[in-house]
Amino acid sequence: MRITSKVAAAMAVAGALFAATAQAQGTFNYFTTGQFTNTLGLTSACNDATPMATTSCGANGFGLTFDGVAPSPFGYQSGSQITFGTFTPTGTGTATVTPGQVMFRLFINQTSPTMGQSSVVGSFDGTLTRGAGGSFSNLFWAPTSNSVTIGNVTYQLQGTQGTPLDSLTIGAEFKTSINGIGTVASSTVPEPSSMALLGTGLVGLVPVFRRKNKK
């Protein structure tokens, strides 16, 4: 019974250490929604009462649609490159906005490892044209913050070069993704005391196995 109990104890310590290490690597999952608001007072289409998975803002046949992302069936590992949603222009014509007129708030809704919600808000600025005369965009969405933390997971919005996102250029003829990275804080990395405990348990097995071999 002495051998069995010591082996079991050492295995329990090793198992706990492995579990802590695996948890330190971290996984997370989330989905996103969006909310348009404006100060123009011209159309209610750009004043969402609540954030939605798909929402649009526009007037006079011209618009911009945001599509959020659903939770991944597999989740994400810490450090994963992720997408927070896409902007898609619709209709024809020219849209011009100045900072502060049309706002968009991106909501990140975390489902694991803990549940929570945070958001970043940004203003549109510039001009976007779509039509027979050609399509081009100098329209930008500039978030006031490029990262949020929910529990021990940090979500960072990134630009095309992997740098923190300052502004996102909205394409005139294609979907524009809000990309980023998700990182789980490694707060559960094994402490030195845990390593010492594992060492003690394994060292304690040495005389047990020696006695066993002498029989």
Protein backbone atom coordinates (compact mmCIF):
# COMPACT_ATOMS: atom_id res chain seq x y z
CA MET A 1 0.00 0.00 0.00
CA ARG A 2 2.95 2.33 0.66
CA ILE A 3 4.11 2.10 -2.96
CA THR A 4 0.63 2.63 -4.29
CA SER A 5 -0.06 5.68 -2.13
CA LYS A 6 3.26 7.38 -2.97
CA VAL A 7 2.91 6.71 -6.67
CA ALA A 8 -0.64 8.03 -6.58
CA ALA A 9 0.47 11.15 -4.71
CA ALA A 10 3.26 11.88 -7.19
CA MET A 11 0.94 11.29 -10.12
CA ALA A 12 -1.61 13.67 -8.60
CA VAL A 13 1.03 16.38 -8.24
CA ALA A 14 2.23 15.85 -11.82
CA GLY A 15 -1.36 15.89 -13.08
CA ALA A 16 -2.12 19.12 -11.27
CA LEU A 17 1.03 20.68 -12.66
CA PHE A 18 0.15 19.58 -16.20
CA ALA A 19 -3.37 20.96 -15.84
CA ALA A 20 -2.03 24.30 -14.61
CA THR A 21 0.40 24.48 -17.52
CA ALA A 22 -2.33 23.66 -20.03
CA GLN A 23 -4.56 26.31 -18.51
CA ALA A 24 -1.72 28.80 -18.75
CA GLN A 25 -1.64 28.33 -22.52
CA GLY A 26 -5.27 29.45 -22.55
CA THR A 27 -8.25 29.24 -24.85
CA PHE A 28 -11.06 31.71 -25.39
CA ASN A 29 -14.22 32.22 -27.41
CA TYR A 30 -16.31 35.24 -28.33
CA PHE A 31 -18.81 36.79 -30.75
CA THR A 32 -19.29 40.39 -31.88
CA THR A 33 -22.13 42.84 -32.43
CA GLY A 34 -22.21 46.45 -33.61
CA GLN A 35 -24.11 49.68 -33.05
CA PHE A 36 -24.30 52.73 -35.32
CA THR A 37 -25.23 56.15 -33.94
CA ASN A 38 -25.16 59.65 -35.45
CA THR A 39 -25.54 63.27 -34.48
CA LEU A 40 -27.03 64.36 -37.82
CA GLY A 41 -30.65 63.86 -36.84
CA LEU A 42 -31.50 62.99 -40.45
CA THR A 43 -32.32 59.29 -40.30
CA SER A 44 -33.12 56.75 -37.63
CA ALA A 45 -31.33 54.09 -39.71
CA CYS A 46 -28.04 55.15 -38.11
CA ASN A 47 -29.30 55.14 -34.53
CA ASP A 48 -29.43 51.56 -33.29
CA ALA A 49 -31.24 51.15 -30.00
CA THR A 50 -29.16 48.08 -29.19
CA PRO A 51 -26.07 46.36 -30.65
CA MET A 52 -26.88 43.81 -33.36
CA ALA A 53 -25.10 40.99 -35.18
CA THR A 54 -25.89 42.67 -38.53
CA THR A 55 -26.63 46.37 -38.73
CA SER A 56 -26.55 49.13 -41.36
CA CYS A 57 -26.21 52.88 -41.57
CA GLY A 58 -27.05 55.00 -44.60
CA ALA A 59 -29.36 57.33 -46.45
CA ASN A 60 -30.51 58.08 -50.02
CA GLY A 61 -29.75 54.57 -51.26
CA PHE A 62 -26.20 54.54 -49.96
CA GLY A 63 -25.18 52.57 -46.90
CA LEU A 64 -22.63 50.69 -44.87
CA THR A 65 -23.38 47.31 -43.28
CA PHE A 66 -21.55 45.70 -40.38
CA ASP A 67 -21.63 41.91 -39.97
CA GLY A 68 -20.40 40.51 -36.68
CA VAL A 69 -18.80 37.11 -36.15
CA ALA A 70 -20.34 34.11 -34.40
CA PRO A 71 -18.54 32.02 -31.75
CA SER A 72 -16.09 29.48 -33.14
CA PRO A 73 -17.17 25.84 -32.71
CA PHE A 74 -13.59 25.08 -31.65
CA GLY A 75 -12.60 28.21 -29.72
CA TYR A 76 -9.26 30.00 -30.09
CA GLN A 77 -5.80 29.48 -28.63
CA SER A 78 -4.03 32.36 -26.93
CA GLY A 79 -2.23 34.43 -29.56
CA SER A 80 -4.68 33.53 -32.34
CA GLN A 81 -5.25 35.94 -35.21
CA ILE A 82 -8.96 36.72 -35.18
CA THR A 83 -11.61 38.81 -36.95
CA PHE A 84 -14.13 41.04 -35.17
CA GLY A 85 -16.45 41.58 -38.15
CA THR A 86 -16.67 43.24 -41.56
CA PHE A 87 -17.89 46.49 -43.11
CA THR A 88 -19.56 46.27 -46.53
CA PRO A 89 -20.64 49.34 -48.58
CA THR A 90 -23.96 49.15 -50.45
CA GLY A 91 -25.77 51.19 -53.07
CA THR A 92 -24.37 53.94 -55.27
CA GLY A 93 -23.48 57.54 -54.74
CA THR A 94 -21.15 59.50 -52.53
CA ALA A 95 -21.09 59.62 -48.75
CA THR A 96 -19.11 62.26 -46.88
CA VAL A 97 -18.90 62.48 -43.10
CA THR A 98 -16.86 64.54 -40.69
CA PRO A 99 -15.52 63.26 -37.34
CA GLY A 100 -18.22 62.88 -34.73
CA GLN A 101 -21.17 62.76 -37.15
CA VAL A 102 -21.44 58.96 -37.49
CA MET A 103 -20.14 56.68 -34.76
CA PHE A 104 -19.77 52.93 -34.63
CA ARG A 105 -19.30 50.88 -31.46
CA LEU A 106 -17.90 47.35 -31.70
CA PHE A 107 -19.02 45.02 -28.92
CA ILE A 108 -16.91 41.98 -28.03
CA ASN A 109 -18.99 39.40 -26.18
CA GLN A 110 -16.82 36.76 -24.51
CA THR A 111 -18.33 33.33 -23.83
CA SER A 112 -15.25 31.56 -22.38
CA PRO A 113 -13.17 31.17 -20.25
CA THR A 114 -15.47 33.65 -18.49
CA MET A 115 -18.50 35.52 -19.74
CA GLY A 116 -18.28 39.27 -20.23
CA GLN A 117 -18.64 42.16 -22.63
CA SER A 118 -16.56 45.19 -23.58
CA SER A 119 -16.52 47.59 -26.50
CA VAL A 120 -14.55 50.11 -28.52
CA VAL A 121 -16.12 53.12 -30.22
CA GLY A 122 -14.87 55.06 -33.20
CA SER A 123 -15.90 57.86 -35.55
CA PHE A 124 -16.11 57.78 -39.34
CA ASP A 125 -14.32 60.45 -41.34
CA GLY A 126 -13.88 61.01 -45.08
CA THR A 127 -15.58 60.27 -48.38
CA LEU A 128 -16.61 57.08 -50.15
CA THR A 129 -17.94 56.93 -53.73
CA ARG A 130 -19.58 54.04 -55.57
CA GLY A 131 -21.04 54.25 -59.06
CA ALA A 132 -20.63 54.22 -62.81
CA GLY A 133 -18.08 56.99 -62.65
CA GLY A 134 -15.77 54.84 -60.56
CA SER A 135 -15.46 53.71 -56.99
CA PHE A 136 -12.92 54.89 -54.46
CA SER A 137 -12.68 55.35 -50.73
CA ASN A 138 -11.07 57.83 -48.42
CA LEU A 139 -13.42 56.81 -45.62
CA PHE A 140 -11.87 55.80 -42.31
CA TRP A 141 -13.12 54.39 -39.01
CA ALA A 142 -10.86 55.46 -36.14
CA PRO A 143 -11.42 53.71 -32.79
CA THR A 144 -10.62 55.70 -29.66
CA SER A 145 -9.04 52.56 -28.19
CA ASN A 146 -7.51 49.56 -29.94
CA SER A 147 -7.70 47.00 -27.13
CA VAL A 148 -10.03 45.75 -24.41
CA THR A 149 -9.62 43.17 -21.67
CA ILE A 150 -12.36 40.80 -20.51
CA GLY A 151 -11.35 38.68 -17.54
CA ASN A 152 -7.85 37.47 -18.38
CA VAL A 153 -8.26 37.77 -22.17
CA THR A 154 -7.02 40.85 -24.06
CA TYR A 155 -8.42 41.63 -27.51
CA GLN A 156 -6.34 43.98 -29.68
CA LEU A 157 -7.46 45.51 -32.97
CA GLN A 158 -4.63 45.45 -35.48
CA GLY A 159 -3.75 47.08 -38.78
CA THR A 160 -2.45 45.38 -41.90
CA GLN A 161 1.12 45.20 -40.56
CA GLY A 162 0.12 43.69 -37.23
CA THR A 163 0.43 47.02 -35.42
CA PRO A 164 -2.27 48.42 -33.10
CA LEU A 165 -5.11 49.80 -35.20
CA ASP A 166 -5.30 53.59 -35.38
CA SER A 167 -7.72 53.80 -38.31
CA LEU A 168 -9.36 51.39 -40.72
CA THR A 169 -9.81 52.29 -44.39
CA ILE A 170 -13.24 51.18 -45.63
CA GLY A 171 -13.06 49.60 -49.09
CA ALA A 172 -15.43 50.88 -51.77
CA GLU A 173 -15.95 47.59 -53.61
CA PHE A 174 -15.21 44.84 -51.09
CA LYS A 175 -15.67 43.81 -47.50
CA THR A 176 -13.26 45.32 -45.02
CA SER A 177 -12.43 43.19 -41.98
CA ILE A 178 -11.63 44.42 -38.49
CA ASN A 179 -8.78 42.09 -37.58
CA GLY A 180 -6.82 41.54 -34.42
CA ILE A 181 -5.37 39.12 -31.93
CA GLY A 182 -6.61 37.52 -28.73
CA THR A 183 -4.22 36.82 -25.85
CA VAL A 184 -4.91 34.94 -22.63
CA ALA A 185 -2.90 36.16 -19.65
CA SER A 186 -0.67 33.38 -18.29
CA SER A 187 -1.62 33.99 -14.68
CA THR A 188 -1.81 30.24 -13.97
CA VAL A 189 1.83 29.43 -14.76
CA PRO A 190 3.09 27.00 -12.08
CA GLU A 191 4.74 28.71 -9.13
CA PRO A 192 8.15 27.63 -7.78
CA SER A 193 6.39 26.00 -4.84
CA SER A 194 4.47 23.76 -7.23
CA MET A 195 7.68 22.71 -8.93
CA ALA A 196 9.27 21.98 -5.56
CA LEU A 197 6.25 19.88 -4.57
CA LEU A 198 6.54 17.85 -7.76
CA GLY A 199 10.25 17.33 -7.11
CA THR A 200 9.59 16.21 -3.54
CA GLY A 201 6.99 13.70 -4.69
CA LEU A 202 9.27 12.18 -7.29
CA VAL A 203 12.29 12.07 -5.03
CA GLY A 204 10.19 10.25 -2.44
CA LEU A 205 9.66 7.46 -4.94
CA VAL A 206 13.39 6.69 -5.27
CA PRO A 207 13.81 4.62 -2.05
CA VAL A 208 10.50 2.89 -2.72
CA PHE A 209 11.61 1.66 -6.12
CA ARG A 210 15.03 0.68 -4.73
CA ARG A 211 13.44 -1.51 -2.09
CA LYS A 212 11.20 -3.03 -4.73
CA ASN A 213 14.19 -3.92 -6.93
CA LYS A 214 16.06 -5.63 -4.05
CA LYS A 215 13.22 -8.11 -3.49
